[in-house]
Amino acid sequence: MRGSGAGNQVVQTMLTLIAGLLAVLAVRTSTSRMLEKGGLLSALGGTEGII
């Protein structure tokens, strides 16, 4: 039981890391798209501290 519990924890941690990486990639993609449109400064005005 302990082994399977630890395995589940590892899988859950990896899934969390993958989800985090996908979120970062999504933010970077949308940010680069806004850069192309020229609206980066206004977009980053309220979110710069979060990113």
PDB file of N, CA and C in Angstrom:
ATOM      1  N   MET A   1       0.836  -1.206   0.000  1.00  0.00           N
ATOM      2  CA  MET A   1       0.000   0.000   0.000  1.00  0.00           C
ATOM      3  C   MET A   1       0.871   1.255   0.000  1.00  0.00           C
ATOM      4  N   ARG A   2       1.952   1.220   0.797  1.00  0.00           N
ATOM      5  CA  ARG A   2       2.802   2.404   0.841  1.00  0.00           C
ATOM      6  C   ARG A   2       3.451   2.653  -0.520  1.00  0.00           C
ATOM      7  N   GLY A   3       3.871   1.566  -1.171  1.00  0.00           N
ATOM      8  CA  GLY A   3       4.513   1.730  -2.474  1.00  0.00           C
ATOM      9  C   GLY A   3       3.567   2.353  -3.487  1.00  0.00           C
ATOM     10  N   SER A   4       2.321   1.862  -3.549  1.00  0.00           N
ATOM     11  CA  SER A   4       1.370   2.418  -4.505  1.00  0.00           C
ATOM     12  C   SER A   4       1.021   3.851  -4.144  1.00  0.00           C
ATOM     13  N   GLY A   5       0.969   4.150  -2.851  1.00  0.00           N
ATOM     14  CA  GLY A   5       0.683   5.523  -2.427  1.00  0.00           C
ATOM     15  C   GLY A   5       1.779   6.462  -2.867  1.00  0.00           C
ATOM     16  N   ALA A   6       3.019   6.033  -2.706  1.00  0.00           N
ATOM     17  CA  ALA A   6       4.145   6.870  -3.128  1.00  0.00           C
ATOM     18  C   ALA A   6       4.131   7.021  -4.643  1.00  0.00           C
ATOM     19  N   GLY A   7       3.803   5.933  -5.345  1.00  0.00           N
ATOM     20  CA  GLY A   7       3.737   6.000  -6.807  1.00  0.00           C
ATOM     21  C   GLY A   7       2.675   6.988  -7.257  1.00  0.00           C
ATOM     22  N   ASN A   8       1.511   6.947  -6.599  1.00  0.00           N
ATOM     23  CA  ASN A   8       0.448   7.891  -6.951  1.00  0.00           C
ATOM     24  C   ASN A   8       0.887   9.319  -6.690  1.00  0.00           C
ATOM     25  N   GLN A   9       1.629   9.520  -5.608  1.00  0.00           N
ATOM     26  CA  GLN A   9       2.099  10.864  -5.284  1.00  0.00           C
ATOM     27  C   GLN A   9       3.078  11.352  -6.362  1.00  0.00           C
ATOM     28  N   VAL A  10       3.949  10.461  -6.825  1.00  0.00           N
ATOM     29  CA  VAL A  10       4.908  10.837  -7.875  1.00  0.00           C
ATOM     30  C   VAL A  10       4.160  11.194  -9.150  1.00  0.00           C
ATOM     31  N   VAL A  11       3.170  10.375  -9.518  1.00  0.00           N
ATOM     32  CA  VAL A  11       2.385  10.642 -10.734  1.00  0.00           C
ATOM     33  C   VAL A  11       1.656  11.975 -10.599  1.00  0.00           C
ATOM     34  N   GLN A  12       1.078  12.204  -9.427  1.00  0.00           N
ATOM     35  CA  GLN A  12       0.347  13.454  -9.214  1.00  0.00           C
ATOM     36  C   GLN A  12       1.279  14.652  -9.309  1.00  0.00           C
ATOM     37  N   THR A  13       2.484  14.504  -8.750  1.00  0.00           N
ATOM     38  CA  THR A  13       3.458  15.592  -8.817  1.00  0.00           C
ATOM     39  C   THR A  13       3.871  15.859 -10.255  1.00  0.00           C
ATOM     40  N   MET A  14       4.106  14.798 -11.017  1.00  0.00           N
ATOM     41  CA  MET A  14       4.504  14.969 -12.417  1.00  0.00           C
ATOM     42  C   MET A  14       3.386  15.619 -13.216  1.00  0.00           C
ATOM     43  N   LEU A  15       2.143  15.211 -12.968  1.00  0.00           N
ATOM     44  CA  LEU A  15       1.010  15.812 -13.673  1.00  0.00           C
ATOM     45  C   LEU A  15       0.902  17.291 -13.340  1.00  0.00           C
ATOM     46  N   THR A  16       1.151  17.627 -12.071  1.00  0.00           N
ATOM     47  CA  THR A  16       1.100  19.038 -11.664  1.00  0.00           C
ATOM     48  C   THR A  16       2.189  19.832 -12.375  1.00  0.00           C
ATOM     49  N   LEU A  17       3.395  19.256 -12.465  1.00  0.00           N
ATOM     50  CA  LEU A  17       4.496  19.946 -13.142  1.00  0.00           C
ATOM     51  C   LEU A  17       4.181  20.135 -14.620  1.00  0.00           C
ATOM     52  N   ILE A  18       3.625  19.095 -15.254  1.00  0.00           N
ATOM     53  CA  ILE A  18       3.282  19.188 -16.679  1.00  0.00           C
ATOM     54  C   ILE A  18       2.215  20.255 -16.884  1.00  0.00           C
ATOM     55  N   ALA A  19       1.217  20.279 -16.000  1.00  0.00           N
ATOM     56  CA  ALA A  19       0.155  21.281 -16.115  1.00  0.00           C
ATOM     57  C   ALA A  19       0.734  22.683 -15.956  1.00  0.00           C
ATOM     58  N   GLY A  20       1.677  22.829 -15.035  1.00  0.00           N
ATOM     59  CA  GLY A  20       2.314  24.123 -14.834  1.00  0.00           C
ATOM     60  C   GLY A  20       3.098  24.553 -16.059  1.00  0.00           C
ATOM     61  N   LEU A  21       3.821  23.605 -16.667  1.00  0.00           N
ATOM     62  CA  LEU A  21       4.588  23.928 -17.874  1.00  0.00           C
ATOM     63  C   LEU A  21       3.661  24.328 -19.014  1.00  0.00           C
ATOM     64  N   LEU A  22       2.542  23.611 -19.158  1.00  0.00           N
ATOM     65  CA  LEU A  22       1.583  23.948 -20.207  1.00  0.00           C
ATOM     66  C   LEU A  22       1.021  25.340 -19.980  1.00  0.00           C
ATOM     67  N   ALA A  23       0.752  25.674 -18.706  1.00  0.00           N
ATOM     68  CA  ALA A  23       0.211  27.003 -18.398  1.00  0.00           C
ATOM     69  C   ALA A  23       1.230  28.080 -18.761  1.00  0.00           C
ATOM     70  N   VAL A  24       2.511  27.832 -18.431  1.00  0.00           N
ATOM     71  CA  VAL A  24       3.556  28.804 -18.757  1.00  0.00           C
ATOM     72  C   VAL A  24       3.672  28.969 -20.267  1.00  0.00           C
ATOM     73  N   LEU A  25       3.619  27.843 -20.983  1.00  0.00           N
ATOM     74  CA  LEU A  25       3.716  27.919 -22.442  1.00  0.00           C
ATOM     75  C   LEU A  25       2.529  28.685 -23.019  1.00  0.00           C
ATOM     76  N   ALA A  26       1.343  28.451 -22.475  1.00  0.00           N
ATOM     77  CA  ALA A  26       0.154  29.151 -22.956  1.00  0.00           C
ATOM     78  C   ALA A  26       0.283  30.653 -22.723  1.00  0.00           C
ATOM     79  N   VAL A  27       0.795  31.027 -21.545  1.00  0.00           N
ATOM     80  CA  VAL A  27       0.973  32.448 -21.232  1.00  0.00           C
ATOM     81  C   VAL A  27       1.993  33.066 -22.178  1.00  0.00           C
ATOM     82  N   ARG A  28       3.089  32.358 -22.412  1.00  0.00           N
ATOM     83  CA  ARG A  28       4.125  32.894 -23.296  1.00  0.00           C
ATOM     84  C   ARG A  28       3.608  33.011 -24.718  1.00  0.00           C
ATOM     85  N   THR A  29       2.820  32.039 -25.163  1.00  0.00           N
ATOM     86  CA  THR A  29       2.276  32.079 -26.515  1.00  0.00           C
ATOM     87  C   THR A  29       1.336  33.262 -26.677  1.00  0.00           C
ATOM     88  N   SER A  30       0.428  33.437 -25.712  1.00  0.00           N
ATOM     89  CA  SER A  30      -0.508  34.554 -25.793  1.00  0.00           C
ATOM     90  C   SER A  30       0.230  35.880 -25.667  1.00  0.00           C
ATOM     91  N   THR A  31       1.297  35.906 -24.851  1.00  0.00           N
ATOM     92  CA  THR A  31       2.070  37.140 -24.694  1.00  0.00           C
ATOM     93  C   THR A  31       2.772  37.491 -26.003  1.00  0.00           C
ATOM     94  N   SER A  32       3.351  36.492 -26.658  1.00  0.00           N
ATOM     95  CA  SER A  32       4.041  36.766 -27.922  1.00  0.00           C
ATOM     96  C   SER A  32       3.047  37.206 -28.992  1.00  0.00           C
ATOM     97  N   ARG A  33       1.823  36.656 -28.947  1.00  0.00           N
ATOM     98  CA  ARG A  33       0.801  37.080 -29.905  1.00  0.00           C
ATOM     99  C   ARG A  33       0.420  38.536 -29.660  1.00  0.00           C
ATOM    100  N   MET A  34       0.326  38.918 -28.384  1.00  0.00           N
ATOM    101  CA  MET A  34      -0.004  40.306 -28.072  1.00  0.00           C
ATOM    102  C   MET A  34       1.152  41.217 -28.488  1.00  0.00           C
ATOM    103  N   LEU A  35       2.380  40.676 -28.379  1.00  0.00           N
ATOM    104  CA  LEU A  35       3.548  41.450 -28.810  1.00  0.00           C
ATOM    105  C   LEU A  35       3.424  41.769 -30.296  1.00  0.00           C
ATOM    106  N   GLU A  36       3.017  40.761 -31.070  1.00  0.00           N
ATOM    107  CA  GLU A  36       2.879  40.964 -32.507  1.00  0.00           C
ATOM    108  C   GLU A  36       1.812  42.010 -32.806  1.00  0.00           C
ATOM    109  N   LYS A  37       0.773  42.059 -31.982  1.00  0.00           N
ATOM    110  CA  LYS A  37      -0.311  43.009 -32.200  1.00  0.00           C
ATOM    111  C   LYS A  37       0.041  44.388 -31.656  1.00  0.00           C
ATOM    112  N   GLY A  38       1.108  44.477 -30.854  1.00  0.00           N
ATOM    113  CA  GLY A  38       1.533  45.759 -30.348  1.00  0.00           C
ATOM    114  C   GLY A  38       0.820  46.176 -29.071  1.00  0.00           C
ATOM    115  N   GLY A  39       0.090  45.269 -28.457  1.00  0.00           N
ATOM    116  CA  GLY A  39      -0.635  45.630 -27.240  1.00  0.00           C
ATOM    117  C   GLY A  39       0.003  45.057 -25.991  1.00  0.00           C
ATOM    118  N   LEU A  40       1.305  44.823 -26.038  1.00  0.00           N
ATOM    119  CA  LEU A  40       1.982  44.152 -24.923  1.00  0.00           C
ATOM    120  C   LEU A  40       2.012  45.021 -23.674  1.00  0.00           C
ATOM    121  N   LEU A  41       2.347  46.293 -23.828  1.00  0.00           N
ATOM    122  CA  LEU A  41       2.502  47.157 -22.659  1.00  0.00           C
ATOM    123  C   LEU A  41       1.204  47.253 -21.884  1.00  0.00           C
ATOM    124  N   SER A  42       0.093  47.454 -22.568  1.00  0.00           N
ATOM    125  CA  SER A  42      -1.187  47.576 -21.869  1.00  0.00           C
ATOM    126  C   SER A  42      -1.582  46.230 -21.257  1.00  0.00           C
ATOM    127  N   ALA A  43      -1.226  45.132 -21.919  1.00  0.00           N
ATOM    128  CA  ALA A  43      -1.581  43.812 -21.406  1.00  0.00           C
ATOM    129  C   ALA A  43      -0.763  43.473 -20.162  1.00  0.00           C
ATOM    130  N   LEU A  44       0.522  43.867 -20.173  1.00  0.00           N
ATOM    131  CA  LEU A  44       1.391  43.548 -19.046  1.00  0.00           C
ATOM    132  C   LEU A  44       1.212  44.519 -17.884  1.00  0.00           C
ATOM    133  N   GLY A  45       0.488  45.600 -18.115  1.00  0.00           N
ATOM    134  CA  GLY A  45       0.332  46.601 -17.070  1.00  0.00           C
ATOM    135  C   GLY A  45      -0.168  46.018 -15.762  1.00  0.00           C
ATOM    136  N   GLY A  46      -1.156  45.118 -15.820  1.00  0.00           N
ATOM    137  CA  GLY A  46      -1.734  44.593 -14.587  1.00  0.00           C
ATOM    138  C   GLY A  46      -1.257  43.203 -14.240  1.00  0.00           C
ATOM    139  N   THR A  47      -0.534  42.524 -15.145  1.00  0.00           N
ATOM    140  CA  THR A  47      -0.164  41.135 -14.901  1.00  0.00           C
ATOM    141  C   THR A  47       1.337  40.945 -14.759  1.00  0.00           C
ATOM    142  N   GLU A  48       2.119  42.010 -14.882  1.00  0.00           N
ATOM    143  CA  GLU A  48       3.573  41.850 -14.850  1.00  0.00           C
ATOM    144  C   GLU A  48       4.034  41.249 -13.527  1.00  0.00           C
ATOM    145  N   GLY A  49       3.414  41.664 -12.415  1.00  0.00           N
ATOM    146  CA  GLY A  49       3.811  41.148 -11.116  1.00  0.00           C
ATOM    147  C   GLY A  49       3.471  39.681 -10.958  1.00  0.00           C
ATOM    148  N   ILE A  50       2.369  39.240 -11.587  1.00  0.00           N
ATOM    149  CA  ILE A  50       1.938  37.849 -11.453  1.00  0.00           C
ATOM    150  C   ILE A  50       2.884  36.939 -12.226  1.00  0.00           C
ATOM    151  N   ILE A  51       3.208  37.332 -13.444  1.00  0.00           N
ATOM    152  CA  ILE A  51       4.081  36.503 -14.274  1.00  0.00           C
ATOM    153  C   ILE A  51       5.486  36.561 -13.709  1.00  0.00           C
TER     154      ILE A  51
END
